[in-house]
Amino acid sequence: MTSKLATDSTKELGRLSEFKLRLRGYWSLTKGLQTALLLITGLAGYASSRCPVMNLPAFLGIAGSLFFAISGSTVLNMWFDRDIDAKMDRTCWRPLPSGRIKPNEALIFGLVMSALGIGWALAIDILYGLIVIAGLVFDVLVYTVWLKRRTPWSIVWGGLAGGMPILAGRALGMGHIDWFGISMMFAVLFWIPTHILTFNMRYFEDYKKAGVPTFPSSYGYSMTRRTVALSSLLAALAIGFSAVGIGMAIGAMRLLIILSGGLLALALGSLLRPSERLDFGLFKYASLYMLGSMLLLVSEAF
């Protein structure tokens, strides 16, 4: 009797452990940190409008709809790219190539998440929902399915997809699309090359093994670093223009200038004294720069 209870207890613990592993696998498919950063840009866009309806339910609605839409598109991307991921040392451990999650399970998960995000967004506001849909289409169909395996310039469309959450948030708060919303979208669009191309340089061999065309493999490291420097400058100018246009407070503006100065200094340093360490430092700082800039925009609502 005691032996049977011990066996049943062991089986129960095994099932619980397996459930936790699968849950972690599904969460990994959503790329939580990347999703969180894009979600924050959407909240920043909404906060920048200083909409009178600036309360917790409104923020939760935006956060929820964007979480499902962005996570869903990310899962669909990982489902489509599972063959590429299996070839790269950096990604072969992911849930799909490692076999922890079955492809059909991931596809259903991604479609359900996307549908929930789109449905919620349309229920909040039609224009807001349409922009969210545009982001998903650019990200999954245009960037991942059509262009990623064909041209390094696919990052432009990936950048447009990344700019949709902040444009959607701004449009929801304003009731229409305005120039400052477009400017903030371009800030994200120009930031994307700094984020992605520095990553491409660090994992050059991985992308080469997978047959994914990148700027370093197509144009060389020097051209890639010049592109990163230019995109960093344009991102800083776009976010600066947006900050001035929405009337950002002087204190927040000073912090934004410091953040932008750090981004430009690292980009210029990578161009003048190239090194893998500096390239990766720029990659990490670029994420902090975008996060810091967006939090400053969010602070304008309070």
C-alpha atoms as a PDB file:
ATOM      1  CA  MET A   1       0.000   0.000   0.000  1.00  0.00           C
ATOM      2  CA  THR A   2       2.761   2.408   0.958  1.00  0.00           C
ATOM      3  CA  SER A   3       4.693   1.453  -2.178  1.00  0.00           C
ATOM      4  CA  LYS A   4       1.640   2.136  -4.370  1.00  0.00           C
ATOM      5  CA  LEU A   5       1.118   5.567  -2.800  1.00  0.00           C
ATOM      6  CA  ALA A   6       4.780   6.414  -3.347  1.00  0.00           C
ATOM      7  CA  THR A   7       4.512   5.343  -6.999  1.00  0.00           C
ATOM      8  CA  ASP A   8       1.348   7.396  -7.541  1.00  0.00           C
ATOM      9  CA  SER A   9       2.999  10.394  -5.886  1.00  0.00           C
ATOM     10  CA  THR A  10       6.044  10.036  -8.140  1.00  0.00           C
ATOM     11  CA  LYS A  11       3.841   9.878 -11.239  1.00  0.00           C
ATOM     12  CA  GLU A  12       1.908  12.966 -10.105  1.00  0.00           C
ATOM     13  CA  LEU A  13       5.135  14.893  -9.583  1.00  0.00           C
ATOM     14  CA  GLY A  14       6.324  13.757 -13.008  1.00  0.00           C
ATOM     15  CA  ARG A  15       3.115  15.000 -14.658  1.00  0.00           C
ATOM     16  CA  LEU A  16       3.368  18.309 -12.797  1.00  0.00           C
ATOM     17  CA  SER A  17       6.988  18.712 -13.883  1.00  0.00           C
ATOM     18  CA  GLU A  18       6.062  17.923 -17.491  1.00  0.00           C
ATOM     19  CA  PHE A  19       3.215  20.469 -17.349  1.00  0.00           C
ATOM     20  CA  LYS A  20       5.582  23.160 -16.058  1.00  0.00           C
ATOM     21  CA  LEU A  21       8.083  22.392 -18.832  1.00  0.00           C
ATOM     22  CA  ARG A  22       5.391  22.674 -21.496  1.00  0.00           C
ATOM     23  CA  LEU A  23       4.111  25.892 -19.957  1.00  0.00           C
ATOM     24  CA  ARG A  24       7.624  27.317 -20.070  1.00  0.00           C
ATOM     25  CA  GLY A  25       7.892  26.166 -23.654  1.00  0.00           C
ATOM     26  CA  TYR A  26       4.740  28.016 -24.667  1.00  0.00           C
ATOM     27  CA  TRP A  27       5.908  31.137 -22.834  1.00  0.00           C
ATOM     28  CA  SER A  28       9.274  30.901 -24.587  1.00  0.00           C
ATOM     29  CA  LEU A  29       7.453  30.928 -27.930  1.00  0.00           C
ATOM     30  CA  THR A  30       6.112  34.413 -27.144  1.00  0.00           C
ATOM     31  CA  LYS A  31       9.588  35.927 -26.558  1.00  0.00           C
ATOM     32  CA  GLY A  32       8.432  37.673 -23.393  1.00  0.00           C
ATOM     33  CA  LEU A  33      11.070  40.419 -23.266  1.00  0.00           C
ATOM     34  CA  GLN A  34      10.607  41.408 -26.903  1.00  0.00           C
ATOM     35  CA  THR A  35       6.836  41.374 -26.522  1.00  0.00           C
ATOM     36  CA  ALA A  36       7.048  43.497 -23.364  1.00  0.00           C
ATOM     37  CA  LEU A  37       9.195  46.130 -25.095  1.00  0.00           C
ATOM     38  CA  LEU A  38       6.790  46.474 -28.029  1.00  0.00           C
ATOM     39  CA  LEU A  39       3.841  46.503 -25.637  1.00  0.00           C
ATOM     40  CA  ILE A  40       5.421  49.407 -23.753  1.00  0.00           C
ATOM     41  CA  THR A  41       5.790  51.348 -27.012  1.00  0.00           C
ATOM     42  CA  GLY A  42       2.027  51.006 -27.526  1.00  0.00           C
ATOM     43  CA  LEU A  43       1.346  52.335 -24.041  1.00  0.00           C
ATOM     44  CA  ALA A  44       3.814  55.166 -24.698  1.00  0.00           C
ATOM     45  CA  GLY A  45       1.982  56.120 -27.882  1.00  0.00           C
ATOM     46  CA  TYR A  46      -1.314  56.248 -26.026  1.00  0.00           C
ATOM     47  CA  ALA A  47       0.168  58.180 -23.097  1.00  0.00           C
ATOM     48  CA  SER A  48       1.753  60.723 -25.452  1.00  0.00           C
ATOM     49  CA  SER A  49      -1.720  61.770 -26.640  1.00  0.00           C
ATOM     50  CA  ARG A  50      -2.698  62.890 -23.128  1.00  0.00           C
ATOM     51  CA  CYS A  51      -6.123  61.441 -23.824  1.00  0.00           C
ATOM     52  CA  PRO A  52      -8.725  62.441 -21.173  1.00  0.00           C
ATOM     53  CA  VAL A  53      -9.539  58.720 -20.760  1.00  0.00           C
ATOM     54  CA  MET A  54      -6.158  57.976 -19.173  1.00  0.00           C
ATOM     55  CA  ASN A  55      -6.999  55.396 -16.532  1.00  0.00           C
ATOM     56  CA  LEU A  56      -6.117  51.878 -15.491  1.00  0.00           C
ATOM     57  CA  PRO A  57      -8.870  50.105 -17.496  1.00  0.00           C
ATOM     58  CA  ALA A  58      -7.753  51.906 -20.677  1.00  0.00           C
ATOM     59  CA  PHE A  59      -4.115  50.922 -20.133  1.00  0.00           C
ATOM     60  CA  LEU A  60      -5.103  47.334 -19.337  1.00  0.00           C
ATOM     61  CA  GLY A  61      -7.162  47.139 -22.535  1.00  0.00           C
ATOM     62  CA  ILE A  62      -4.244  48.347 -24.643  1.00  0.00           C
ATOM     63  CA  ALA A  63      -1.777  46.118 -22.814  1.00  0.00           C
ATOM     64  CA  GLY A  64      -3.999  43.056 -23.106  1.00  0.00           C
ATOM     65  CA  SER A  65      -4.854  43.436 -26.783  1.00  0.00           C
ATOM     66  CA  LEU A  66      -1.246  44.185 -27.740  1.00  0.00           C
ATOM     67  CA  PHE A  67       0.068  41.324 -25.633  1.00  0.00           C
ATOM     68  CA  PHE A  68      -2.109  38.797 -27.442  1.00  0.00           C
ATOM     69  CA  ALA A  69      -1.524  40.290 -30.910  1.00  0.00           C
ATOM     70  CA  ILE A  70       2.257  40.653 -30.541  1.00  0.00           C
ATOM     71  CA  SER A  71       2.685  37.298 -28.815  1.00  0.00           C
ATOM     72  CA  GLY A  72       0.531  35.608 -31.435  1.00  0.00           C
ATOM     73  CA  SER A  73       2.546  37.014 -34.332  1.00  0.00           C
ATOM     74  CA  THR A  74       5.780  36.026 -32.579  1.00  0.00           C
ATOM     75  CA  VAL A  75       4.572  32.441 -32.124  1.00  0.00           C
ATOM     76  CA  LEU A  76       3.558  32.268 -35.787  1.00  0.00           C
ATOM     77  CA  ASN A  77       6.985  33.556 -36.804  1.00  0.00           C
ATOM     78  CA  MET A  78       8.700  30.903 -34.688  1.00  0.00           C
ATOM     79  CA  TRP A  79       6.421  28.224 -36.149  1.00  0.00           C
ATOM     80  CA  PHE A  80       7.342  29.245 -39.701  1.00  0.00           C
ATOM     81  CA  ASP A  81      11.065  29.619 -38.905  1.00  0.00           C
ATOM     82  CA  ARG A  82      11.450  26.358 -36.986  1.00  0.00           C
ATOM     83  CA  ASP A  83      13.603  24.868 -39.766  1.00  0.00           C
ATOM     84  CA  ILE A  84      15.963  27.857 -39.642  1.00  0.00           C
ATOM     85  CA  ASP A  85      16.112  27.758 -35.849  1.00  0.00           C
ATOM     86  CA  ALA A  86      17.116  24.082 -35.949  1.00  0.00           C
ATOM     87  CA  LYS A  87      20.248  24.984 -37.952  1.00  0.00           C
ATOM     88  CA  MET A  88      21.562  27.684 -35.625  1.00  0.00           C
ATOM     89  CA  ASP A  89      23.411  27.028 -32.371  1.00  0.00           C
ATOM     90  CA  ARG A  90      21.745  30.071 -30.838  1.00  0.00           C
ATOM     91  CA  THR A  91      18.185  28.859 -31.458  1.00  0.00           C
ATOM     92  CA  CYS A  92      18.264  25.055 -31.796  1.00  0.00           C
ATOM     93  CA  TRP A  93      17.190  24.717 -28.130  1.00  0.00           C
ATOM     94  CA  ARG A  94      13.914  26.578 -28.718  1.00  0.00           C
ATOM     95  CA  PRO A  95      10.666  24.636 -28.064  1.00  0.00           C
ATOM     96  CA  LEU A  96       9.885  23.818 -31.711  1.00  0.00           C
ATOM     97  CA  PRO A  97      13.275  22.665 -33.069  1.00  0.00           C
ATOM     98  CA  SER A  98      14.009  20.825 -29.821  1.00  0.00           C
ATOM     99  CA  GLY A  99      10.680  18.971 -30.048  1.00  0.00           C
ATOM    100  CA  ARG A 100       9.263  20.172 -26.726  1.00  0.00           C
ATOM    101  CA  ILE A 101       6.274  21.693 -28.521  1.00  0.00           C
ATOM    102  CA  LYS A 102       4.722  20.121 -31.622  1.00  0.00           C
ATOM    103  CA  PRO A 103       4.381  22.335 -34.750  1.00  0.00           C
ATOM    104  CA  ASN A 104       0.594  21.945 -34.969  1.00  0.00           C
ATOM    105  CA  GLU A 105       0.250  22.889 -31.285  1.00  0.00           C
ATOM    106  CA  ALA A 106       2.345  26.024 -31.817  1.00  0.00           C
ATOM    107  CA  LEU A 107       0.359  26.964 -34.926  1.00  0.00           C
ATOM    108  CA  ILE A 108      -2.959  26.686 -33.089  1.00  0.00           C
ATOM    109  CA  PHE A 109      -1.534  28.603 -30.126  1.00  0.00           C
ATOM    110  CA  GLY A 110      -0.279  31.408 -32.393  1.00  0.00           C
ATOM    111  CA  LEU A 111      -3.546  31.662 -34.332  1.00  0.00           C
ATOM    112  CA  VAL A 112      -5.657  31.758 -31.165  1.00  0.00           C
ATOM    113  CA  MET A 113      -3.426  34.394 -29.546  1.00  0.00           C
ATOM    114  CA  SER A 114      -3.499  36.522 -32.708  1.00  0.00           C
ATOM    115  CA  ALA A 115      -7.273  36.221 -33.040  1.00  0.00           C
ATOM    116  CA  LEU A 116      -7.781  37.227 -29.405  1.00  0.00           C
ATOM    117  CA  GLY A 117      -5.495  40.236 -29.821  1.00  0.00           C
ATOM    118  CA  ILE A 118      -7.149  41.410 -33.030  1.00  0.00           C
ATOM    119  CA  GLY A 119     -10.660  40.843 -31.706  1.00  0.00           C
ATOM    120  CA  TRP A 120      -9.922  42.736 -28.494  1.00  0.00           C
ATOM    121  CA  ALA A 121      -8.269  45.591 -30.407  1.00  0.00           C
ATOM    122  CA  LEU A 122     -11.216  45.959 -32.798  1.00  0.00           C
ATOM    123  CA  ALA A 123     -13.608  45.922 -29.847  1.00  0.00           C
ATOM    124  CA  ILE A 124     -11.699  48.821 -28.296  1.00  0.00           C
ATOM    125  CA  ASP A 125     -11.612  50.929 -31.469  1.00  0.00           C
ATOM    126  CA  ILE A 126     -11.785  50.204 -35.208  1.00  0.00           C
ATOM    127  CA  LEU A 127      -8.817  52.374 -36.232  1.00  0.00           C
ATOM    128  CA  TYR A 128      -6.724  51.017 -33.395  1.00  0.00           C
ATOM    129  CA  GLY A 129      -7.655  47.471 -34.397  1.00  0.00           C
ATOM    130  CA  LEU A 130      -6.833  48.042 -38.069  1.00  0.00           C
ATOM    131  CA  ILE A 131      -3.347  49.299 -37.196  1.00  0.00           C
ATOM    132  CA  VAL A 132      -2.807  46.260 -34.959  1.00  0.00           C
ATOM    133  CA  ILE A 133      -3.858  44.035 -37.878  1.00  0.00           C
ATOM    134  CA  ALA A 134      -1.424  45.890 -40.170  1.00  0.00           C
ATOM    135  CA  GLY A 135       1.384  45.206 -37.707  1.00  0.00           C
ATOM    136  CA  LEU A 136       0.595  41.499 -37.648  1.00  0.00           C
ATOM    137  CA  VAL A 137       0.414  41.313 -41.465  1.00  0.00           C
ATOM    138  CA  PHE A 138       3.725  43.172 -41.903  1.00  0.00           C
ATOM    139  CA  ASP A 139       5.419  41.019 -39.285  1.00  0.00           C
ATOM    140  CA  VAL A 140       4.199  37.546 -40.209  1.00  0.00           C
ATOM    141  CA  LEU A 141       3.295  37.603 -43.893  1.00  0.00           C
ATOM    142  CA  VAL A 142       5.523  40.309 -45.360  1.00  0.00           C
ATOM    143  CA  TYR A 143       8.631  40.101 -43.159  1.00  0.00           C
ATOM    144  CA  THR A 144       8.815  36.453 -42.080  1.00  0.00           C
ATOM    145  CA  VAL A 145       7.036  34.493 -44.812  1.00  0.00           C
ATOM    146  CA  TRP A 146       7.868  36.600 -47.878  1.00  0.00           C
ATOM    147  CA  LEU A 147      11.125  38.512 -47.389  1.00  0.00           C
ATOM    148  CA  LYS A 148      13.268  37.224 -44.495  1.00  0.00           C
ATOM    149  CA  ARG A 149      14.807  34.384 -46.513  1.00  0.00           C
ATOM    150  CA  ARG A 150      15.179  36.456 -49.654  1.00  0.00           C
ATOM    151  CA  THR A 151      16.738  39.810 -48.790  1.00  0.00           C
ATOM    152  CA  PRO A 152      18.509  41.581 -45.896  1.00  0.00           C
ATOM    153  CA  TRP A 153      16.206  44.529 -46.555  1.00  0.00           C
ATOM    154  CA  SER A 154      13.406  42.558 -44.936  1.00  0.00           C
ATOM    155  CA  ILE A 155      14.297  44.422 -41.724  1.00  0.00           C
ATOM    156  CA  VAL A 156      12.575  47.515 -43.162  1.00  0.00           C
ATOM    157  CA  TRP A 157       9.250  45.688 -43.127  1.00  0.00           C
ATOM    158  CA  GLY A 158      10.085  44.155 -39.781  1.00  0.00           C
ATOM    159  CA  GLY A 159      10.723  47.682 -38.564  1.00  0.00           C
ATOM    160  CA  LEU A 160       7.350  48.855 -39.840  1.00  0.00           C
ATOM    161  CA  ALA A 161       5.719  46.005 -37.963  1.00  0.00           C
ATOM    162  CA  GLY A 162       7.610  47.034 -34.830  1.00  0.00           C
ATOM    163  CA  GLY A 163       6.360  50.602 -35.251  1.00  0.00           C
ATOM    164  CA  MET A 164       2.682  49.657 -35.406  1.00  0.00           C
ATOM    165  CA  PRO A 165       2.052  49.324 -31.613  1.00  0.00           C
ATOM    166  CA  ILE A 166       3.174  52.887 -30.868  1.00  0.00           C
ATOM    167  CA  LEU A 167       1.223  54.234 -33.853  1.00  0.00           C
ATOM    168  CA  ALA A 168      -1.839  52.273 -32.727  1.00  0.00           C
ATOM    169  CA  GLY A 169      -1.605  53.614 -29.183  1.00  0.00           C
ATOM    170  CA  ARG A 170      -1.212  57.196 -30.372  1.00  0.00           C
ATOM    171  CA  ALA A 171      -4.098  56.859 -32.857  1.00  0.00           C
ATOM    172  CA  LEU A 172      -6.343  55.428 -30.132  1.00  0.00           C
ATOM    173  CA  GLY A 173      -5.639  58.389 -27.852  1.00  0.00           C
ATOM    174  CA  MET A 174      -5.969  61.039 -30.571  1.00  0.00           C
ATOM    175  CA  GLY A 175      -8.829  59.460 -32.494  1.00  0.00           C
ATOM    176  CA  HIS A 176      -6.852  59.725 -35.730  1.00  0.00           C
ATOM    177  CA  ILE A 177      -3.344  59.252 -37.153  1.00  0.00           C
ATOM    178  CA  ASP A 178      -1.208  62.397 -36.806  1.00  0.00           C
ATOM    179  CA  TRP A 179       2.335  63.420 -37.758  1.00  0.00           C
ATOM    180  CA  PHE A 180       3.730  62.815 -34.296  1.00  0.00           C
ATOM    181  CA  GLY A 181       2.337  59.291 -34.268  1.00  0.00           C
ATOM    182  CA  ILE A 182       4.023  58.680 -37.614  1.00  0.00           C
ATOM    183  CA  SER A 183       7.230  60.194 -36.265  1.00  0.00           C
ATOM    184  CA  MET A 184       7.204  57.849 -33.272  1.00  0.00           C
ATOM    185  CA  MET A 185       6.563  54.930 -35.611  1.00  0.00           C
ATOM    186  CA  PHE A 186       9.628  55.969 -37.626  1.00  0.00           C
ATOM    187  CA  ALA A 187      11.665  56.217 -34.437  1.00  0.00           C
ATOM    188  CA  VAL A 188      11.012  52.513 -33.855  1.00  0.00           C
ATOM    189  CA  LEU A 189      11.558  51.744 -37.543  1.00  0.00           C
ATOM    190  CA  PHE A 190      14.991  53.439 -37.493  1.00  0.00           C
ATOM    191  CA  TRP A 191      15.850  51.802 -34.169  1.00  0.00           C
ATOM    192  CA  ILE A 192      15.284  48.311 -35.567  1.00  0.00           C
ATOM    193  CA  PRO A 193      18.481  48.234 -37.727  1.00  0.00           C
ATOM    194  CA  THR A 194      20.603  49.213 -34.717  1.00  0.00           C
ATOM    195  CA  HIS A 195      19.021  46.394 -32.745  1.00  0.00           C
ATOM    196  CA  ILE A 196      19.025  43.744 -35.491  1.00  0.00           C
ATOM    197  CA  LEU A 197      22.234  44.466 -37.421  1.00  0.00           C
ATOM    198  CA  THR A 198      24.437  44.433 -34.330  1.00  0.00           C
ATOM    199  CA  PHE A 199      22.861  41.067 -33.542  1.00  0.00           C
ATOM    200  CA  ASN A 200      23.547  39.889 -37.107  1.00  0.00           C
ATOM    201  CA  MET A 201      27.233  40.724 -36.679  1.00  0.00           C
ATOM    202  CA  ARG A 202      27.526  38.882 -33.384  1.00  0.00           C
ATOM    203  CA  TYR A 203      25.900  35.720 -34.757  1.00  0.00           C
ATOM    204  CA  PHE A 204      27.222  35.975 -38.313  1.00  0.00           C
ATOM    205  CA  GLU A 205      28.095  32.277 -38.620  1.00  0.00           C
ATOM    206  CA  ASP A 206      24.715  31.147 -37.304  1.00  0.00           C
ATOM    207  CA  TYR A 207      22.806  33.159 -39.894  1.00  0.00           C
ATOM    208  CA  LYS A 208      25.200  31.956 -42.595  1.00  0.00           C
ATOM    209  CA  LYS A 209      24.571  28.299 -41.663  1.00  0.00           C
ATOM    210  CA  ALA A 210      20.826  28.866 -41.802  1.00  0.00           C
ATOM    211  CA  GLY A 211      21.054  30.617 -45.182  1.00  0.00           C
ATOM    212  CA  VAL A 212      19.400  33.804 -43.946  1.00  0.00           C
ATOM    213  CA  PRO A 213      20.669  36.869 -45.863  1.00  0.00           C
ATOM    214  CA  THR A 214      21.892  39.641 -43.553  1.00  0.00           C
ATOM    215  CA  PHE A 215      23.591  43.004 -44.043  1.00  0.00           C
ATOM    216  CA  PRO A 216      27.004  41.685 -42.840  1.00  0.00           C
ATOM    217  CA  SER A 217      26.880  38.746 -45.278  1.00  0.00           C
ATOM    218  CA  SER A 218      25.555  40.838 -48.177  1.00  0.00           C
ATOM    219  CA  TYR A 219      27.401  44.156 -47.773  1.00  0.00           C
ATOM    220  CA  GLY A 220      30.190  43.520 -45.279  1.00  0.00           C
ATOM    221  CA  TYR A 221      30.838  44.722 -41.752  1.00  0.00           C
ATOM    222  CA  SER A 222      31.930  48.265 -42.676  1.00  0.00           C
ATOM    223  CA  MET A 223      28.727  48.997 -44.564  1.00  0.00           C
ATOM    224  CA  THR A 224      26.699  47.404 -41.785  1.00  0.00           C
ATOM    225  CA  ARG A 225      28.310  49.636 -39.157  1.00  0.00           C
ATOM    226  CA  ARG A 226      27.674  52.725 -41.276  1.00  0.00           C
ATOM    227  CA  THR A 227      24.040  51.681 -41.602  1.00  0.00           C
ATOM    228  CA  VAL A 228      23.813  51.204 -37.831  1.00  0.00           C
ATOM    229  CA  ALA A 229      25.297  54.654 -37.206  1.00  0.00           C
ATOM    230  CA  LEU A 230      22.869  56.278 -39.643  1.00  0.00           C
ATOM    231  CA  SER A 231      19.850  54.418 -38.256  1.00  0.00           C
ATOM    232  CA  SER A 232      20.833  55.392 -34.700  1.00  0.00           C
ATOM    233  CA  LEU A 233      21.022  59.047 -35.699  1.00  0.00           C
ATOM    234  CA  LEU A 234      17.663  58.920 -37.475  1.00  0.00           C
ATOM    235  CA  ALA A 235      16.048  57.118 -34.514  1.00  0.00           C
ATOM    236  CA  ALA A 236      17.337  59.758 -32.091  1.00  0.00           C
ATOM    237  CA  LEU A 237      16.120  62.589 -34.356  1.00  0.00           C
ATOM    238  CA  ALA A 238      12.693  61.003 -34.806  1.00  0.00           C
ATOM    239  CA  ILE A 239      12.153  60.404 -31.095  1.00  0.00           C
ATOM    240  CA  GLY A 240      13.456  63.914 -30.354  1.00  0.00           C
ATOM    241  CA  PHE A 241      11.066  65.470 -32.883  1.00  0.00           C
ATOM    242  CA  SER A 242       8.204  63.507 -31.346  1.00  0.00           C
ATOM    243  CA  ALA A 243       9.148  64.582 -27.818  1.00  0.00           C
ATOM    244  CA  VAL A 244       9.205  68.249 -28.804  1.00  0.00           C
ATOM    245  CA  GLY A 245       5.935  67.921 -30.684  1.00  0.00           C
ATOM    246  CA  ILE A 246       4.015  66.409 -27.784  1.00  0.00           C
ATOM    247  CA  GLY A 247       5.450  68.979 -25.373  1.00  0.00           C
ATOM    248  CA  MET A 248       7.611  66.733 -23.237  1.00  0.00           C
ATOM    249  CA  ALA A 249       8.626  68.331 -19.934  1.00  0.00           C
ATOM    250  CA  ILE A 250      12.111  69.851 -19.723  1.00  0.00           C
ATOM    251  CA  GLY A 251      13.351  67.357 -17.134  1.00  0.00           C
ATOM    252  CA  ALA A 252      12.253  64.360 -19.197  1.00  0.00           C
ATOM    253  CA  MET A 253      13.681  65.976 -22.328  1.00  0.00           C
ATOM    254  CA  ARG A 254      17.093  66.287 -20.691  1.00  0.00           C
ATOM    255  CA  LEU A 255      17.061  62.609 -19.816  1.00  0.00           C
ATOM    256  CA  LEU A 256      16.056  61.775 -23.378  1.00  0.00           C
ATOM    257  CA  ILE A 257      18.968  63.821 -24.730  1.00  0.00           C
ATOM    258  CA  ILE A 258      21.371  61.933 -22.458  1.00  0.00           C
ATOM    259  CA  LEU A 259      19.964  58.588 -23.614  1.00  0.00           C
ATOM    260  CA  SER A 260      20.221  59.639 -27.257  1.00  0.00           C
ATOM    261  CA  GLY A 261      23.763  60.883 -26.730  1.00  0.00           C
ATOM    262  CA  GLY A 262      24.755  57.473 -25.365  1.00  0.00           C
ATOM    263  CA  LEU A 263      23.254  55.708 -28.375  1.00  0.00           C
ATOM    264  CA  LEU A 264      25.038  57.971 -30.854  1.00  0.00           C
ATOM    265  CA  ALA A 265      28.345  57.725 -28.979  1.00  0.00           C
ATOM    266  CA  LEU A 266      28.272  53.926 -29.077  1.00  0.00           C
ATOM    267  CA  ALA A 267      27.246  53.878 -32.743  1.00  0.00           C
ATOM    268  CA  LEU A 268      30.046  56.280 -33.648  1.00  0.00           C
ATOM    269  CA  GLY A 269      32.535  54.330 -31.546  1.00  0.00           C
ATOM    270  CA  SER A 270      31.547  51.105 -33.307  1.00  0.00           C
ATOM    271  CA  LEU A 271      32.111  52.831 -36.632  1.00  0.00           C
ATOM    272  CA  LEU A 272      35.485  54.393 -35.798  1.00  0.00           C
ATOM    273  CA  ARG A 273      36.939  51.629 -33.595  1.00  0.00           C
ATOM    274  CA  PRO A 274      35.043  48.476 -34.554  1.00  0.00           C
ATOM    275  CA  SER A 275      35.076  45.498 -32.216  1.00  0.00           C
ATOM    276  CA  GLU A 276      32.741  42.627 -31.389  1.00  0.00           C
ATOM    277  CA  ARG A 277      32.530  43.801 -27.783  1.00  0.00           C
ATOM    278  CA  LEU A 278      31.452  47.306 -28.783  1.00  0.00           C
ATOM    279  CA  ASP A 279      28.977  45.956 -31.343  1.00  0.00           C
ATOM    280  CA  PHE A 280      27.299  43.802 -28.708  1.00  0.00           C
ATOM    281  CA  GLY A 281      27.403  46.659 -26.201  1.00  0.00           C
ATOM    282  CA  LEU A 282      25.522  48.782 -28.738  1.00  0.00           C
ATOM    283  CA  PHE A 283      22.992  45.973 -29.211  1.00  0.00           C
ATOM    284  CA  LYS A 284      22.271  45.833 -25.477  1.00  0.00           C
ATOM    285  CA  TYR A 285      22.207  49.613 -25.056  1.00  0.00           C
ATOM    286  CA  ALA A 286      19.814  50.021 -27.995  1.00  0.00           C
ATOM    287  CA  SER A 287      17.172  48.002 -26.120  1.00  0.00           C
ATOM    288  CA  LEU A 288      17.708  50.058 -22.961  1.00  0.00           C
ATOM    289  CA  TYR A 289      17.520  53.243 -25.036  1.00  0.00           C
ATOM    290  CA  MET A 290      14.156  52.309 -26.534  1.00  0.00           C
ATOM    291  CA  LEU A 291      12.801  51.188 -23.166  1.00  0.00           C
ATOM    292  CA  GLY A 292      13.991  54.377 -21.448  1.00  0.00           C
ATOM    293  CA  SER A 293      12.585  56.612 -24.200  1.00  0.00           C
ATOM    294  CA  MET A 294       9.206  54.893 -24.056  1.00  0.00           C
ATOM    295  CA  LEU A 295       9.015  55.118 -20.267  1.00  0.00           C
ATOM    296  CA  LEU A 296       9.706  58.843 -20.524  1.00  0.00           C
ATOM    297  CA  LEU A 297       6.798  59.158 -22.961  1.00  0.00           C
ATOM    298  CA  VAL A 298       4.564  57.161 -20.625  1.00  0.00           C
ATOM    299  CA  SER A 299       5.525  59.469 -17.744  1.00  0.00           C
ATOM    300  CA  GLU A 300       4.036  62.380 -19.683  1.00  0.00           C
ATOM    301  CA  ALA A 301       0.551  61.017 -18.976  1.00  0.00           C
ATOM    302  CA  PHE A 302       0.919  61.423 -15.204  1.00  0.00           C
END
